[in-house]
Amino acid sequence: MLFLQGAARPKGLAGACFALFEIGLVRLCLSAEIFEEIQDVLSRPALRHKFRSLTDDLVERFLDSARSRAIWIPSVAPRFEFARDPEGRPVYQPGDRGGSEFPRQPR
């Protein structure tokens, strides 16, 4: 939801989160599975119809920014399945790969 709102409404709160990411004040961690889901959601015709601001150009720029600036995490094993998801897609829990660690910034 954060990605949809951030892309569709850049002046909203989710958009502000991505603005902080763009200027390097926060980091975004992604896996290939999560990125594919974001691409899928942002290209759905029903959402494009509802959020007219989601043009091909805007979505491509949004995804390019995330792709080029994110911290990429190796493939993540499914943690559990969310029963309300009609397609039965698993929910991923980053860092739950038997001891894998996120890169952490010193405090």
PDB file of N, CA and C in Angstrom:
ATOM      1  N   MET A   1       0.824  -1.187   0.000  1.00  0.00           N
ATOM      2  CA  MET A   1       0.000   0.000   0.000  1.00  0.00           C
ATOM      3  C   MET A   1       0.870   1.254   0.000  1.00  0.00           C
ATOM      4  N   LEU A   2       1.967   1.219   0.728  1.00  0.00           N
ATOM      5  CA  LEU A   2       2.851   2.381   0.798  1.00  0.00           C
ATOM      6  C   LEU A   2       3.380   2.742  -0.582  1.00  0.00           C
ATOM      7  N   PHE A   3       3.746   1.741  -1.374  1.00  0.00           N
ATOM      8  CA  PHE A   3       4.286   2.003  -2.705  1.00  0.00           C
ATOM      9  C   PHE A   3       3.218   2.581  -3.622  1.00  0.00           C
ATOM     10  N   LEU A   4       2.018   2.038  -3.561  1.00  0.00           N
ATOM     11  CA  LEU A   4       0.924   2.564  -4.377  1.00  0.00           C
ATOM     12  C   LEU A   4       0.635   4.011  -4.012  1.00  0.00           C
ATOM     13  N   GLN A   5       0.481   4.295  -2.738  1.00  0.00           N
ATOM     14  CA  GLN A   5       0.193   5.662  -2.312  1.00  0.00           C
ATOM     15  C   GLN A   5       1.360   6.598  -2.599  1.00  0.00           C
ATOM     16  N   GLY A   6       2.586   6.109  -2.425  1.00  0.00           N
ATOM     17  CA  GLY A   6       3.751   6.934  -2.695  1.00  0.00           C
ATOM     18  C   GLY A   6       3.867   7.315  -4.158  1.00  0.00           C
ATOM     19  N   ALA A   7       3.551   6.372  -5.037  1.00  0.00           N
ATOM     20  CA  ALA A   7       3.615   6.643  -6.471  1.00  0.00           C
ATOM     21  C   ALA A   7       2.433   7.490  -6.927  1.00  0.00           C
ATOM     22  N   ALA A   8       1.241   7.162  -6.448  1.00  0.00           N
ATOM     23  CA  ALA A   8       0.027   7.840  -6.915  1.00  0.00           C
ATOM     24  C   ALA A   8      -0.154   9.232  -6.323  1.00  0.00           C
ATOM     25  N   ARG A   9       0.328   9.419  -5.110  1.00  0.00           N
ATOM     26  CA  ARG A   9       0.128  10.697  -4.416  1.00  0.00           C
ATOM     27  C   ARG A   9       1.446  11.182  -3.805  1.00  0.00           C
ATOM     28  N   PRO A  10       2.346  11.682  -4.642  1.00  0.00           N
ATOM     29  CA  PRO A  10       3.663  12.081  -4.138  1.00  0.00           C
ATOM     30  C   PRO A  10       3.627  13.210  -3.106  1.00  0.00           C
ATOM     31  N   LYS A  11       2.544  13.956  -3.040  1.00  0.00           N
ATOM     32  CA  LYS A  11       2.449  15.039  -2.057  1.00  0.00           C
ATOM     33  C   LYS A  11       1.838  14.579  -0.733  1.00  0.00           C
ATOM     34  N   GLY A  12       1.439  13.304  -0.654  1.00  0.00           N
ATOM     35  CA  GLY A  12       0.872  12.756   0.578  1.00  0.00           C
ATOM     36  C   GLY A  12       1.958  12.235   1.512  1.00  0.00           C
ATOM     37  N   LEU A  13       1.525  11.603   2.602  1.00  0.00           N
ATOM     38  CA  LEU A  13       2.477  11.090   3.594  1.00  0.00           C
ATOM     39  C   LEU A  13       3.377   9.987   3.032  1.00  0.00           C
ATOM     40  N   ALA A  14       2.801   9.075   2.262  1.00  0.00           N
ATOM     41  CA  ALA A  14       3.624   8.021   1.660  1.00  0.00           C
ATOM     42  C   ALA A  14       4.614   8.627   0.677  1.00  0.00           C
ATOM     43  N   GLY A  15       4.170   9.633  -0.064  1.00  0.00           N
ATOM     44  CA  GLY A  15       5.070  10.332  -0.975  1.00  0.00           C
ATOM     45  C   GLY A  15       6.205  11.006  -0.230  1.00  0.00           C
ATOM     46  N   ALA A  16       5.908  11.526   0.953  1.00  0.00           N
ATOM     47  CA  ALA A  16       6.954  12.148   1.776  1.00  0.00           C
ATOM     48  C   ALA A  16       7.993  11.109   2.205  1.00  0.00           C
ATOM     49  N   CYS A  17       7.555   9.886   2.490  1.00  0.00           N
ATOM     50  CA  CYS A  17       8.496   8.815   2.840  1.00  0.00           C
ATOM     51  C   CYS A  17       9.446   8.553   1.680  1.00  0.00           C
ATOM     52  N   PHE A  18       8.905   8.518   0.474  1.00  0.00           N
ATOM     53  CA  PHE A  18       9.754   8.275  -0.691  1.00  0.00           C
ATOM     54  C   PHE A  18      10.637   9.478  -1.005  1.00  0.00           C
ATOM     55  N   ALA A  19      10.184  10.665  -0.681  1.00  0.00           N
ATOM     56  CA  ALA A  19      11.040  11.850  -0.854  1.00  0.00           C
ATOM     57  C   ALA A  19      12.254  11.741   0.072  1.00  0.00           C
ATOM     58  N   LEU A  20      12.041  11.274   1.296  1.00  0.00           N
ATOM     59  CA  LEU A  20      13.162  11.063   2.224  1.00  0.00           C
ATOM     60  C   LEU A  20      14.121  10.000   1.690  1.00  0.00           C
ATOM     61  N   PHE A  21      13.574   8.973   1.068  1.00  0.00           N
ATOM     62  CA  PHE A  21      14.388   7.941   0.438  1.00  0.00           C
ATOM     63  C   PHE A  21      15.202   8.542  -0.715  1.00  0.00           C
ATOM     64  N   GLU A  22      14.550   9.361  -1.519  1.00  0.00           N
ATOM     65  CA  GLU A  22      15.216   9.976  -2.681  1.00  0.00           C
ATOM     66  C   GLU A  22      16.413  10.829  -2.274  1.00  0.00           C
ATOM     67  N   ILE A  23      16.315  11.502  -1.142  1.00  0.00           N
ATOM     68  CA  ILE A  23      17.423  12.373  -0.733  1.00  0.00           C
ATOM     69  C   ILE A  23      18.395  11.666   0.218  1.00  0.00           C
ATOM     70  N   GLY A  24      18.157  10.393   0.469  1.00  0.00           N
ATOM     71  CA  GLY A  24      19.108   9.597   1.222  1.00  0.00           C
ATOM     72  C   GLY A  24      18.963   9.625   2.737  1.00  0.00           C
ATOM     73  N   LEU A  25      17.856  10.127   3.247  1.00  0.00           N
ATOM     74  CA  LEU A  25      17.666  10.158   4.697  1.00  0.00           C
ATOM     75  C   LEU A  25      17.116   8.849   5.255  1.00  0.00           C
ATOM     76  N   VAL A  26      16.494   8.054   4.410  1.00  0.00           N
ATOM     77  CA  VAL A  26      16.049   6.714   4.810  1.00  0.00           C
ATOM     78  C   VAL A  26      16.481   5.736   3.725  1.00  0.00           C
ATOM     79  N   ARG A  27      16.571   4.468   4.109  1.00  0.00           N
ATOM     80  CA  ARG A  27      16.956   3.437   3.157  1.00  0.00           C
ATOM     81  C   ARG A  27      15.779   2.516   2.889  1.00  0.00           C
ATOM     82  N   LEU A  28      15.758   1.986   1.696  1.00  0.00           N
ATOM     83  CA  LEU A  28      14.719   1.061   1.273  1.00  0.00           C
ATOM     84  C   LEU A  28      15.370  -0.275   0.973  1.00  0.00           C
ATOM     85  N   CYS A  29      14.888  -1.326   1.618  1.00  0.00           N
ATOM     86  CA  CYS A  29      15.388  -2.673   1.362  1.00  0.00           C
ATOM     87  C   CYS A  29      14.339  -3.419   0.540  1.00  0.00           C
ATOM     88  N   LEU A  30      14.784  -4.021  -0.552  1.00  0.00           N
ATOM     89  CA  LEU A  30      13.884  -4.750  -1.440  1.00  0.00           C
ATOM     90  C   LEU A  30      14.470  -6.110  -1.784  1.00  0.00           C
ATOM     91  N   SER A  31      13.587  -7.040  -2.078  1.00  0.00           N
ATOM     92  CA  SER A  31      13.978  -8.316  -2.661  1.00  0.00           C
ATOM     93  C   SER A  31      13.343  -8.356  -4.049  1.00  0.00           C
ATOM     94  N   ALA A  32      13.808  -9.263  -4.888  1.00  0.00           N
ATOM     95  CA  ALA A  32      13.240  -9.383  -6.228  1.00  0.00           C
ATOM     96  C   ALA A  32      11.749  -9.701  -6.161  1.00  0.00           C
ATOM     97  N   GLU A  33      11.356 -10.536  -5.192  1.00  0.00           N
ATOM     98  CA  GLU A  33       9.943 -10.910  -5.068  1.00  0.00           C
ATOM     99  C   GLU A  33       9.074  -9.700  -4.724  1.00  0.00           C
ATOM    100  N   ILE A  34       9.534  -8.892  -3.808  1.00  0.00           N
ATOM    101  CA  ILE A  34       8.766  -7.705  -3.414  1.00  0.00           C
ATOM    102  C   ILE A  34       8.718  -6.709  -4.563  1.00  0.00           C
ATOM    103  N   PHE A  35       9.839  -6.521  -5.255  1.00  0.00           N
ATOM    104  CA  PHE A  35       9.869  -5.582  -6.375  1.00  0.00           C
ATOM    105  C   PHE A  35       8.908  -6.025  -7.484  1.00  0.00           C
ATOM    106  N   GLU A  36       8.863  -7.325  -7.768  1.00  0.00           N
ATOM    107  CA  GLU A  36       7.925  -7.838  -8.768  1.00  0.00           C
ATOM    108  C   GLU A  36       6.482  -7.555  -8.368  1.00  0.00           C
ATOM    109  N   GLU A  37       6.181  -7.706  -7.087  1.00  0.00           N
ATOM    110  CA  GLU A  37       4.824  -7.416  -6.600  1.00  0.00           C
ATOM    111  C   GLU A  37       4.494  -5.938  -6.773  1.00  0.00           C
ATOM    112  N   ILE A  38       5.448  -5.072  -6.481  1.00  0.00           N
ATOM    113  CA  ILE A  38       5.232  -3.628  -6.648  1.00  0.00           C
ATOM    114  C   ILE A  38       4.967  -3.315  -8.116  1.00  0.00           C
ATOM    115  N   GLN A  39       5.770  -3.883  -9.011  1.00  0.00           N
ATOM    116  CA  GLN A  39       5.563  -3.680 -10.450  1.00  0.00           C
ATOM    117  C   GLN A  39       4.173  -4.134 -10.864  1.00  0.00           C
ATOM    118  N   ASP A  40       3.774  -5.303 -10.380  1.00  0.00           N
ATOM    119  CA  ASP A  40       2.466  -5.851 -10.718  1.00  0.00           C
ATOM    120  C   ASP A  40       1.345  -4.918 -10.254  1.00  0.00           C
ATOM    121  N   VAL A  41       1.411  -4.500  -9.010  1.00  0.00           N
ATOM    122  CA  VAL A  41       0.354  -3.641  -8.456  1.00  0.00           C
ATOM    123  C   VAL A  41       0.262  -2.324  -9.219  1.00  0.00           C
ATOM    124  N   LEU A  42       1.407  -1.700  -9.471  1.00  0.00           N
ATOM    125  CA  LEU A  42       1.392  -0.392 -10.132  1.00  0.00           C
ATOM    126  C   LEU A  42       0.994  -0.462 -11.603  1.00  0.00           C
ATOM    127  N   SER A  43       0.923  -1.664 -12.167  1.00  0.00           N
ATOM    128  CA  SER A  43       0.521  -1.780 -13.568  1.00  0.00           C
ATOM    129  C   SER A  43      -0.905  -2.309 -13.736  1.00  0.00           C
ATOM    130  N   ARG A  44      -1.609  -2.562 -12.655  1.00  0.00           N
ATOM    131  CA  ARG A  44      -2.975  -3.093 -12.751  1.00  0.00           C
ATOM    132  C   ARG A  44      -3.927  -2.052 -13.339  1.00  0.00           C
ATOM    133  N   PRO A  45      -4.670  -2.451 -14.381  1.00  0.00           N
ATOM    134  CA  PRO A  45      -5.579  -1.501 -15.041  1.00  0.00           C
ATOM    135  C   PRO A  45      -6.609  -0.868 -14.105  1.00  0.00           C
ATOM    136  N   ALA A  46      -7.154  -1.639 -13.176  1.00  0.00           N
ATOM    137  CA  ALA A  46      -8.164  -1.083 -12.264  1.00  0.00           C
ATOM    138  C   ALA A  46      -7.561   0.021 -11.396  1.00  0.00           C
ATOM    139  N   LEU A  47      -6.322  -0.170 -10.940  1.00  0.00           N
ATOM    140  CA  LEU A  47      -5.677   0.857 -10.120  1.00  0.00           C
ATOM    141  C   LEU A  47      -5.266   2.047 -10.978  1.00  0.00           C
ATOM    142  N   ARG A  48      -4.843   1.794 -12.200  1.00  0.00           N
ATOM    143  CA  ARG A  48      -4.491   2.890 -13.110  1.00  0.00           C
ATOM    144  C   ARG A  48      -5.723   3.745 -13.399  1.00  0.00           C
ATOM    145  N   HIS A  49      -6.884   3.090 -13.500  1.00  0.00           N
ATOM    146  CA  HIS A  49      -8.125   3.830 -13.736  1.00  0.00           C
ATOM    147  C   HIS A  49      -8.506   4.670 -12.517  1.00  0.00           C
ATOM    148  N   LYS A  50      -8.343   4.091 -11.337  1.00  0.00           N
ATOM    149  CA  LYS A  50      -8.691   4.802 -10.099  1.00  0.00           C
ATOM    150  C   LYS A  50      -7.702   5.928  -9.810  1.00  0.00           C
ATOM    151  N   PHE A  51      -6.430   5.677 -10.026  1.00  0.00           N
ATOM    152  CA  PHE A  51      -5.387   6.671  -9.769  1.00  0.00           C
ATOM    153  C   PHE A  51      -4.837   7.134 -11.113  1.00  0.00           C
ATOM    154  N   ARG A  52      -5.468   8.117 -11.696  1.00  0.00           N
ATOM    155  CA  ARG A  52      -5.107   8.608 -13.037  1.00  0.00           C
ATOM    156  C   ARG A  52      -3.680   9.152 -13.096  1.00  0.00           C
ATOM    157  N   SER A  53      -3.125   9.493 -11.941  1.00  0.00           N
ATOM    158  CA  SER A  53      -1.749  10.007 -11.917  1.00  0.00           C
ATOM    159  C   SER A  53      -0.721   8.919 -12.204  1.00  0.00           C
ATOM    160  N   LEU A  54      -1.118   7.650 -12.136  1.00  0.00           N
ATOM    161  CA  LEU A  54      -0.193   6.542 -12.383  1.00  0.00           C
ATOM    162  C   LEU A  54      -0.006   6.327 -13.885  1.00  0.00           C
ATOM    163  N   THR A  55       0.693   7.238 -14.504  1.00  0.00           N
ATOM    164  CA  THR A  55       0.997   7.104 -15.923  1.00  0.00           C
ATOM    165  C   THR A  55       2.176   6.152 -16.101  1.00  0.00           C
ATOM    166  N   ASP A  56       2.356   5.671 -17.316  1.00  0.00           N
ATOM    167  CA  ASP A  56       3.498   4.796 -17.598  1.00  0.00           C
ATOM    168  C   ASP A  56       4.802   5.483 -17.226  1.00  0.00           C
ATOM    169  N   ASP A  57       4.924   6.757 -17.579  1.00  0.00           N
ATOM    170  CA  ASP A  57       6.155   7.498 -17.303  1.00  0.00           C
ATOM    171  C   ASP A  57       6.397   7.633 -15.801  1.00  0.00           C
ATOM    172  N   LEU A  58       5.369   7.999 -15.047  1.00  0.00           N
ATOM    173  CA  LEU A  58       5.531   8.172 -13.605  1.00  0.00           C
ATOM    174  C   LEU A  58       5.911   6.846 -12.939  1.00  0.00           C
ATOM    175  N   VAL A  59       5.226   5.774 -13.302  1.00  0.00           N
ATOM    176  CA  VAL A  59       5.508   4.463 -12.707  1.00  0.00           C
ATOM    177  C   VAL A  59       6.918   4.025 -13.060  1.00  0.00           C
ATOM    178  N   GLU A  60       7.338   4.232 -14.304  1.00  0.00           N
ATOM    179  CA  GLU A  60       8.691   3.836 -14.695  1.00  0.00           C
ATOM    180  C   GLU A  60       9.744   4.617 -13.917  1.00  0.00           C
ATOM    181  N   ARG A  61       9.545   5.915 -13.748  1.00  0.00           N
ATOM    182  CA  ARG A  61      10.493   6.722 -12.969  1.00  0.00           C
ATOM    183  C   ARG A  61      10.520   6.285 -11.510  1.00  0.00           C
ATOM    184  N   PHE A  62       9.345   6.026 -10.939  1.00  0.00           N
ATOM    185  CA  PHE A  62       9.227   5.579  -9.556  1.00  0.00           C
ATOM    186  C   PHE A  62       9.973   4.253  -9.360  1.00  0.00           C
ATOM    187  N   LEU A  63       9.730   3.298 -10.261  1.00  0.00           N
ATOM    188  CA  LEU A  63      10.380   1.994 -10.161  1.00  0.00           C
ATOM    189  C   LEU A  63      11.881   2.094 -10.409  1.00  0.00           C
ATOM    190  N   ASP A  64      12.287   2.917 -11.363  1.00  0.00           N
ATOM    191  CA  ASP A  64      13.721   3.101 -11.628  1.00  0.00           C
ATOM    192  C   ASP A  64      14.440   3.654 -10.408  1.00  0.00           C
ATOM    193  N   SER A  65      13.811   4.600  -9.726  1.00  0.00           N
ATOM    194  CA  SER A  65      14.408   5.177  -8.535  1.00  0.00           C
ATOM    195  C   SER A  65      14.566   4.116  -7.451  1.00  0.00           C
ATOM    196  N   ALA A  66      13.508   3.346  -7.225  1.00  0.00           N
ATOM    197  CA  ALA A  66      13.567   2.285  -6.216  1.00  0.00           C
ATOM    198  C   ALA A  66      14.611   1.247  -6.605  1.00  0.00           C
ATOM    199  N   ARG A  67      14.614   0.848  -7.875  1.00  0.00           N
ATOM    200  CA  ARG A  67      15.539  -0.182  -8.354  1.00  0.00           C
ATOM    201  C   ARG A  67      16.994   0.249  -8.183  1.00  0.00           C
ATOM    202  N   SER A  68      17.283   1.492  -8.496  1.00  0.00           N
ATOM    203  CA  SER A  68      18.678   1.936  -8.497  1.00  0.00           C
ATOM    204  C   SER A  68      19.201   2.329  -7.115  1.00  0.00           C
ATOM    205  N   ARG A  69      18.328   2.709  -6.196  1.00  0.00           N
ATOM    206  CA  ARG A  69      18.781   3.203  -4.896  1.00  0.00           C
ATOM    207  C   ARG A  69      18.554   2.241  -3.737  1.00  0.00           C
ATOM    208  N   ALA A  70      17.760   1.212  -3.948  1.00  0.00           N
ATOM    209  CA  ALA A  70      17.415   0.295  -2.849  1.00  0.00           C
ATOM    210  C   ALA A  70      18.600  -0.569  -2.447  1.00  0.00           C
ATOM    211  N   ILE A  71      18.533  -1.072  -1.245  1.00  0.00           N
ATOM    212  CA  ILE A  71      19.445  -2.104  -0.775  1.00  0.00           C
ATOM    213  C   ILE A  71      18.767  -3.425  -1.132  1.00  0.00           C
ATOM    214  N   TRP A  72      19.437  -4.215  -1.956  1.00  0.00           N
ATOM    215  CA  TRP A  72      18.837  -5.458  -2.437  1.00  0.00           C
ATOM    216  C   TRP A  72      19.184  -6.617  -1.511  1.00  0.00           C
ATOM    217  N   ILE A  73      18.147  -7.348  -1.145  1.00  0.00           N
ATOM    218  CA  ILE A  73      18.262  -8.475  -0.230  1.00  0.00           C
ATOM    219  C   ILE A  73      18.105  -9.749  -1.057  1.00  0.00           C
ATOM    220  N   PRO A  74      18.925 -10.753  -0.793  1.00  0.00           N
ATOM    221  CA  PRO A  74      18.777 -12.019  -1.525  1.00  0.00           C
ATOM    222  C   PRO A  74      17.375 -12.590  -1.349  1.00  0.00           C
ATOM    223  N   SER A  75      17.055 -13.534  -2.158  1.00  0.00           N
ATOM    224  CA  SER A  75      15.744 -14.172  -2.130  1.00  0.00           C
ATOM    225  C   SER A  75      15.326 -14.491  -0.694  1.00  0.00           C
ATOM    226  N   VAL A  76      14.080 -14.189  -0.396  1.00  0.00           N
ATOM    227  CA  VAL A  76      13.554 -14.336   0.959  1.00  0.00           C
ATOM    228  C   VAL A  76      12.531 -15.474   0.972  1.00  0.00           C
ATOM    229  N   ALA A  77      12.655 -16.369   1.925  1.00  0.00           N
ATOM    230  CA  ALA A  77      11.724 -17.489   2.040  1.00  0.00           C
ATOM    231  C   ALA A  77      10.382 -17.006   2.569  1.00  0.00           C
ATOM    232  N   PRO A  78       9.277 -17.578   2.060  1.00  0.00           N
ATOM    233  CA  PRO A  78       7.953 -17.197   2.575  1.00  0.00           C
ATOM    234  C   PRO A  78       7.851 -17.493   4.071  1.00  0.00           C
ATOM    235  N   ARG A  79       7.241 -16.585   4.811  1.00  0.00           N
ATOM    236  CA  ARG A  79       7.084 -16.744   6.254  1.00  0.00           C
ATOM    237  C   ARG A  79       5.738 -17.390   6.573  1.00  0.00           C
ATOM    238  N   PHE A  80       4.680 -16.894   5.948  1.00  0.00           N
ATOM    239  CA  PHE A  80       3.348 -17.457   6.143  1.00  0.00           C
ATOM    240  C   PHE A  80       2.476 -17.026   4.975  1.00  0.00           C
ATOM    241  N   GLU A  81       1.323 -17.670   4.834  1.00  0.00           N
ATOM    242  CA  GLU A  81       0.386 -17.289   3.786  1.00  0.00           C
ATOM    243  C   GLU A  81      -0.748 -16.511   4.407  1.00  0.00           C
ATOM    244  N   PHE A  82      -1.166 -15.475   3.704  1.00  0.00           N
ATOM    245  CA  PHE A  82      -2.227 -14.596   4.176  1.00  0.00           C
ATOM    246  C   PHE A  82      -3.528 -15.071   3.545  1.00  0.00           C
ATOM    247  N   ALA A  83      -4.402 -15.648   4.336  1.00  0.00           N
ATOM    248  CA  ALA A  83      -5.602 -16.313   3.830  1.00  0.00           C
ATOM    249  C   ALA A  83      -6.521 -15.395   3.029  1.00  0.00           C
ATOM    250  N   ARG A  84      -6.502 -14.088   3.290  1.00  0.00           N
ATOM    251  CA  ARG A  84      -7.410 -13.186   2.570  1.00  0.00           C
ATOM    252  C   ARG A  84      -6.921 -12.883   1.170  1.00  0.00           C
ATOM    253  N   ASP A  85      -5.687 -13.235   0.846  1.00  0.00           N
ATOM    254  CA  ASP A  85      -5.151 -12.985  -0.484  1.00  0.00           C
ATOM    255  C   ASP A  85      -5.724 -14.038  -1.431  1.00  0.00           C
ATOM    256  N   PRO A  86      -6.589 -13.639  -2.380  1.00  0.00           N
ATOM    257  CA  PRO A  86      -7.241 -14.626  -3.247  1.00  0.00           C
ATOM    258  C   PRO A  86      -6.260 -15.404  -4.124  1.00  0.00           C
ATOM    259  N   GLU A  87      -5.099 -14.849  -4.392  1.00  0.00           N
ATOM    260  CA  GLU A  87      -4.126 -15.552  -5.216  1.00  0.00           C
ATOM    261  C   GLU A  87      -3.188 -16.404  -4.377  1.00  0.00           C
ATOM    262  N   GLY A  88      -3.334 -16.340  -3.058  1.00  0.00           N
ATOM    263  CA  GLY A  88      -2.532 -17.163  -2.180  1.00  0.00           C
ATOM    264  C   GLY A  88      -1.053 -16.840  -2.187  1.00  0.00           C
ATOM    265  N   ARG A  89      -0.724 -15.591  -2.489  1.00  0.00           N
ATOM    266  CA  ARG A  89       0.694 -15.215  -2.504  1.00  0.00           C
ATOM    267  C   ARG A  89       1.231 -15.208  -1.078  1.00  0.00           C
ATOM    268  N   PRO A  90       2.441 -15.702  -0.898  1.00  0.00           N
ATOM    269  CA  PRO A  90       3.022 -15.716   0.444  1.00  0.00           C
ATOM    270  C   PRO A  90       3.432 -14.328   0.907  1.00  0.00           C
ATOM    271  N   VAL A  91       3.476 -14.151   2.200  1.00  0.00           N
ATOM    272  CA  VAL A  91       3.973 -12.919   2.804  1.00  0.00           C
ATOM    273  C   VAL A  91       5.424 -13.183   3.176  1.00  0.00           C
ATOM    274  N   TYR A  92       6.303 -12.285   2.791  1.00  0.00           N
ATOM    275  CA  TYR A  92       7.723 -12.483   3.030  1.00  0.00           C
ATOM    276  C   TYR A  92       8.168 -11.736   4.277  1.00  0.00           C
ATOM    277  N   GLN A  93       9.048 -12.355   5.014  1.00  0.00           N
ATOM    278  CA  GLN A  93       9.618 -11.749   6.205  1.00  0.00           C
ATOM    279  C   GLN A  93      11.107 -11.578   5.958  1.00  0.00           C
ATOM    280  N   PRO A  94      11.527 -10.390   5.497  1.00  0.00           N
ATOM    281  CA  PRO A  94      12.952 -10.180   5.249  1.00  0.00           C
ATOM    282  C   PRO A  94      13.782 -10.464   6.498  1.00  0.00           C
ATOM    283  N   GLY A  95      14.942 -11.034   6.265  1.00  0.00           N
ATOM    284  CA  GLY A  95      15.834 -11.321   7.380  1.00  0.00           C
ATOM    285  C   GLY A  95      15.561 -12.650   8.042  1.00  0.00           C
ATOM    286  N   ASP A  96      14.552 -13.378   7.592  1.00  0.00           N
ATOM    287  CA  ASP A  96      14.211 -14.652   8.202  1.00  0.00           C
ATOM    288  C   ASP A  96      14.751 -15.789   7.344  1.00  0.00           C
ATOM    289  N   ARG A  97      16.039 -15.780   7.136  1.00  0.00           N
ATOM    290  CA  ARG A  97      16.665 -16.799   6.302  1.00  0.00           C
ATOM    291  C   ARG A  97      17.700 -17.574   7.105  1.00  0.00           C
ATOM    292  N   GLY A  98      17.412 -17.819   8.331  1.00  0.00           N
ATOM    293  CA  GLY A  98      18.342 -18.587   9.131  1.00  0.00           C
ATOM    294  C   GLY A  98      19.615 -17.837   9.439  1.00  0.00           C
ATOM    295  N   GLY A  99      19.469 -16.648   9.989  1.00  0.00           N
ATOM    296  CA  GLY A  99      20.632 -15.901  10.424  1.00  0.00           C
ATOM    297  C   GLY A  99      21.070 -14.793   9.495  1.00  0.00           C
ATOM    298  N   SER A 100      20.362 -14.562   8.405  1.00  0.00           N
ATOM    299  CA  SER A 100      20.776 -13.469   7.520  1.00  0.00           C
ATOM    300  C   SER A 100      20.575 -12.144   8.220  1.00  0.00           C
ATOM    301  N   GLU A 101      21.403 -11.210   7.911  1.00  0.00           N
ATOM    302  CA  GLU A 101      21.363  -9.904   8.561  1.00  0.00           C
ATOM    303  C   GLU A 101      21.207  -8.815   7.515  1.00  0.00           C
ATOM    304  N   PHE A 102      20.428  -7.814   7.844  1.00  0.00           N
ATOM    305  CA  PHE A 102      20.351  -6.621   7.009  1.00  0.00           C
ATOM    306  C   PHE A 102      21.612  -5.805   7.224  1.00  0.00           C
ATOM    307  N   PRO A 103      22.065  -5.108   6.182  1.00  0.00           N
ATOM    308  CA  PRO A 103      23.143  -4.150   6.438  1.00  0.00           C
ATOM    309  C   PRO A 103      22.616  -3.071   7.379  1.00  0.00           C
ATOM    310  N   ARG A 104      23.323  -2.791   8.413  1.00  0.00           N
ATOM    311  CA  ARG A 104      22.851  -1.813   9.389  1.00  0.00           C
ATOM    312  C   ARG A 104      23.803  -0.626   9.431  1.00  0.00           C
ATOM    313  N   GLN A 105      23.203   0.531   9.591  1.00  0.00           N
ATOM    314  CA  GLN A 105      24.009   1.748   9.697  1.00  0.00           C
ATOM    315  C   GLN A 105      24.399   1.937  11.162  1.00  0.00           C
ATOM    316  N   PRO A 106      25.654   2.292  11.421  1.00  0.00           N
ATOM    317  CA  PRO A 106      26.062   2.523  12.814  1.00  0.00           C
ATOM    318  C   PRO A 106      25.217   3.608  13.454  1.00  0.00           C
ATOM    319  N   ARG A 107      24.938   3.441  14.727  1.00  0.00           N
ATOM    320  CA  ARG A 107      24.139   4.451  15.433  1.00  0.00           C
ATOM    321  C   ARG A 107      25.009   5.493  16.034  1.00  0.00           C
TER     322      ARG A 107
END
